[in-house]
Amino acid sequence: MDKLITVFILLVFNFGFSQNEKEIRKSLNKLSKEYLTEMYINKKYDSISKIWDKGMLIEIQSYYVKSNEGSFLDLVLVNKIKTDLDKYFKNLTKFHLDKILDIQIEKIDNMVIGNVFFEYQETIKSKTENIKTMLTFISPDNGNNWSVQDWKIKDIVDKVNRELY
């Protein structure tokens, strides 16, 4: 009888987690599409930058230092990134999200990390590329609030620094 109760409890727990995971996947799918639309189609990085993860900003800050661009902090760092993004956006003629390829979720205590893999098409001037990449969403409160790590931004900053845009 004890084994039966234990198995039942494990089934209920796994079902509950599965339902929660389904909800998180659905949220991340929607959040990814909204983020990519606001960031790369509507080019509204002023509002969307508010959900950038601090770890991503630290990595970009380190990149600027290593590439002799300068040492930028806080608002000055965000403004430098925006200046670089402006150069990219001036050359971006089309951005289209083709599809979400996969969503992988990892839970550590109450922290949820969701990697959203997607494919998009980007046209810079007249050159079109199909690209696969990912966004990482981080929630310290079990999926209630999210920050995003968008590593495409670091790629943009690097290409602007090398004068490719």
Protein backbone atom coordinates (compact mmCIF):
# COMPACT_ATOMS: atom_id res chain seq x y z
CA MET A 1 0.00 0.00 0.00
CA ASP A 2 2.87 2.42 0.81
CA LYS A 3 4.40 1.77 -2.62
CA LEU A 4 1.06 2.50 -4.28
CA ILE A 5 0.75 5.82 -2.44
CA THR A 6 4.34 6.75 -3.33
CA VAL A 7 3.75 5.96 -7.01
CA PHE A 8 0.51 7.98 -6.96
CA ILE A 9 2.26 10.98 -5.39
CA LEU A 10 5.05 10.79 -7.98
CA LEU A 11 2.52 10.64 -10.81
CA VAL A 12 0.63 13.65 -9.48
CA PHE A 13 3.88 15.59 -9.01
CA ASN A 14 5.11 14.74 -12.53
CA PHE A 15 1.73 15.62 -14.06
CA GLY A 16 1.76 18.97 -12.24
CA PHE A 17 5.27 19.73 -13.45
CA SER A 18 4.32 18.65 -16.97
CA GLN A 19 1.35 21.03 -16.98
CA ASN A 20 3.54 23.82 -15.63
CA GLU A 21 6.18 23.07 -18.26
CA LYS A 22 3.53 23.24 -20.99
CA GLU A 23 2.44 26.65 -19.75
CA ILE A 24 6.04 27.85 -19.63
CA ARG A 25 6.65 26.63 -23.20
CA LYS A 26 3.54 28.43 -24.39
CA SER A 27 4.62 31.62 -22.59
CA LEU A 28 8.16 31.44 -23.99
CA ASN A 29 6.85 30.87 -27.50
CA LYS A 30 4.66 33.97 -27.24
CA LEU A 31 7.33 36.03 -25.47
CA SER A 32 9.94 35.12 -28.11
CA LYS A 33 7.70 36.23 -30.95
CA GLU A 34 6.83 39.46 -29.16
CA TYR A 35 10.47 40.18 -28.32
CA LEU A 36 11.73 39.51 -31.86
CA THR A 37 8.93 41.58 -33.40
CA GLU A 38 9.52 44.55 -31.11
CA MET A 39 13.31 44.35 -31.35
CA TYR A 40 13.99 43.56 -35.00
CA ILE A 41 10.84 44.40 -36.94
CA ASN A 42 9.48 47.41 -35.02
CA LYS A 43 12.99 48.42 -33.90
CA LYS A 44 11.71 49.53 -30.48
CA TYR A 45 14.81 48.68 -28.52
CA ASP A 46 14.22 51.49 -26.00
CA SER A 47 11.29 49.62 -24.51
CA ILE A 48 12.52 46.07 -25.13
CA SER A 49 16.00 46.72 -23.68
CA LYS A 50 14.37 46.92 -20.25
CA ILE A 51 14.15 43.12 -20.18
CA TRP A 52 17.76 42.49 -21.23
CA ASP A 53 19.57 40.26 -18.77
CA LYS A 54 22.38 41.85 -16.78
CA GLY A 55 24.68 38.92 -17.61
CA MET A 56 24.36 39.67 -21.30
CA LEU A 57 25.14 43.34 -20.66
CA ILE A 58 28.25 42.41 -18.65
CA GLU A 59 29.44 40.21 -21.54
CA ILE A 60 28.91 43.04 -24.06
CA GLN A 61 30.64 45.48 -21.70
CA SER A 62 33.61 43.11 -21.56
CA TYR A 63 33.61 42.90 -25.36
CA TYR A 64 33.79 46.71 -25.65
CA VAL A 65 36.75 46.80 -23.24
CA LYS A 66 38.61 43.99 -25.07
CA SER A 67 38.06 45.61 -28.46
CA ASN A 68 39.29 49.00 -27.20
CA GLU A 69 35.89 50.64 -27.72
CA GLY A 70 35.91 51.82 -24.11
CA SER A 71 34.61 50.91 -20.68
CA PHE A 72 30.93 51.74 -20.48
CA LEU A 73 28.70 51.34 -17.43
CA ASP A 74 24.95 51.23 -16.85
CA LEU A 75 23.01 53.76 -18.93
CA VAL A 76 26.08 54.74 -20.95
CA LEU A 77 26.54 51.05 -21.87
CA VAL A 78 22.93 50.70 -22.97
CA ASN A 79 23.22 53.91 -25.01
CA LYS A 80 26.42 52.64 -26.70
CA ILE A 81 24.63 49.40 -27.60
CA LYS A 82 21.71 51.43 -28.98
CA THR A 83 24.09 53.52 -31.09
CA ASP A 84 25.55 50.32 -32.56
CA LEU A 85 22.07 48.90 -33.09
CA ASP A 86 21.09 52.07 -34.97
CA LYS A 87 23.90 51.39 -37.46
CA TYR A 88 22.63 47.84 -37.91
CA PHE A 89 18.98 48.92 -38.26
CA LYS A 90 19.89 51.47 -40.94
CA ASN A 91 21.12 48.56 -43.07
CA LEU A 92 18.42 46.06 -42.10
CA THR A 93 15.74 46.02 -44.79
CA LYS A 94 13.87 42.90 -43.68
CA PHE A 95 13.62 40.62 -40.67
CA HIS A 96 11.23 37.68 -40.70
CA LEU A 97 10.81 35.03 -38.02
CA ASP A 98 10.39 31.78 -39.93
CA LYS A 99 9.69 29.42 -37.04
CA ILE A 100 10.38 28.43 -33.48
CA LEU A 101 12.42 25.24 -33.75
CA ASP A 102 12.51 24.08 -30.13
CA ILE A 103 12.12 25.25 -26.56
CA GLN A 104 14.22 23.66 -23.83
CA ILE A 105 13.43 24.35 -20.20
CA GLU A 106 15.64 23.85 -17.18
CA LYS A 107 14.50 24.41 -13.61
CA ILE A 108 16.90 25.08 -10.77
CA ASP A 109 15.06 25.70 -7.50
CA ASN A 110 12.64 28.52 -8.43
CA MET A 111 14.83 29.69 -11.33
CA VAL A 112 13.58 28.77 -14.79
CA ILE A 113 15.86 28.98 -17.82
CA GLY A 114 14.28 28.63 -21.23
CA ASN A 115 16.29 28.34 -24.42
CA VAL A 116 14.20 29.18 -27.46
CA PHE A 117 15.75 28.03 -30.73
CA PHE A 118 14.41 29.72 -33.84
CA GLU A 119 15.08 30.35 -37.49
CA TYR A 120 14.78 33.74 -39.13
CA GLN A 121 15.50 35.50 -42.39
CA GLU A 122 17.40 38.75 -42.40
CA THR A 123 18.08 41.07 -45.31
CA ILE A 124 20.91 43.54 -44.87
CA LYS A 125 20.90 45.94 -47.80
CA SER A 126 20.26 43.43 -50.60
CA LYS A 127 21.86 40.34 -49.06
CA THR A 128 19.42 37.82 -47.51
CA GLU A 129 20.50 35.14 -45.04
CA ASN A 130 18.64 32.36 -43.27
CA ILE A 131 19.95 32.10 -39.72
CA LYS A 132 19.32 29.75 -36.80
CA THR A 133 20.01 30.98 -33.30
CA MET A 134 18.47 31.15 -29.85
CA LEU A 135 17.22 33.43 -27.13
CA THR A 136 17.71 32.54 -23.48
CA PHE A 137 14.98 33.61 -21.09
CA ILE A 138 15.67 33.63 -17.36
CA SER A 139 13.07 33.81 -14.62
CA PRO A 140 14.09 34.06 -10.97
CA ASP A 141 10.49 33.56 -9.82
CA ASN A 142 9.31 30.36 -11.52
CA GLY A 143 8.10 31.99 -14.74
CA ASN A 144 6.34 35.11 -13.46
CA ASN A 145 8.96 37.61 -14.73
CA TRP A 146 11.53 37.12 -17.47
CA SER A 147 14.78 38.67 -18.62
CA VAL A 148 16.32 37.82 -21.98
CA GLN A 149 19.78 37.10 -23.26
CA ASP A 150 19.83 37.99 -26.95
CA TRP A 151 23.30 37.08 -28.22
CA LYS A 152 22.49 38.45 -31.68
CA ILE A 153 23.10 41.85 -30.09
CA LYS A 154 26.70 40.91 -29.29
CA ASP A 155 27.12 39.78 -32.90
CA ILE A 156 25.72 43.13 -34.11
CA VAL A 157 28.03 45.07 -31.79
CA ASP A 158 31.01 43.05 -33.07
CA LYS A 159 30.10 43.62 -36.74
CA VAL A 160 29.57 47.35 -36.15
CA ASN A 161 32.97 47.49 -34.40
CA ARG A 162 34.57 45.78 -37.42
CA GLU A 163 32.68 48.21 -39.69
CA LEU A 164 30.72 45.48 -41.44
CA TYR A 165 27.51 47.53 -41.09
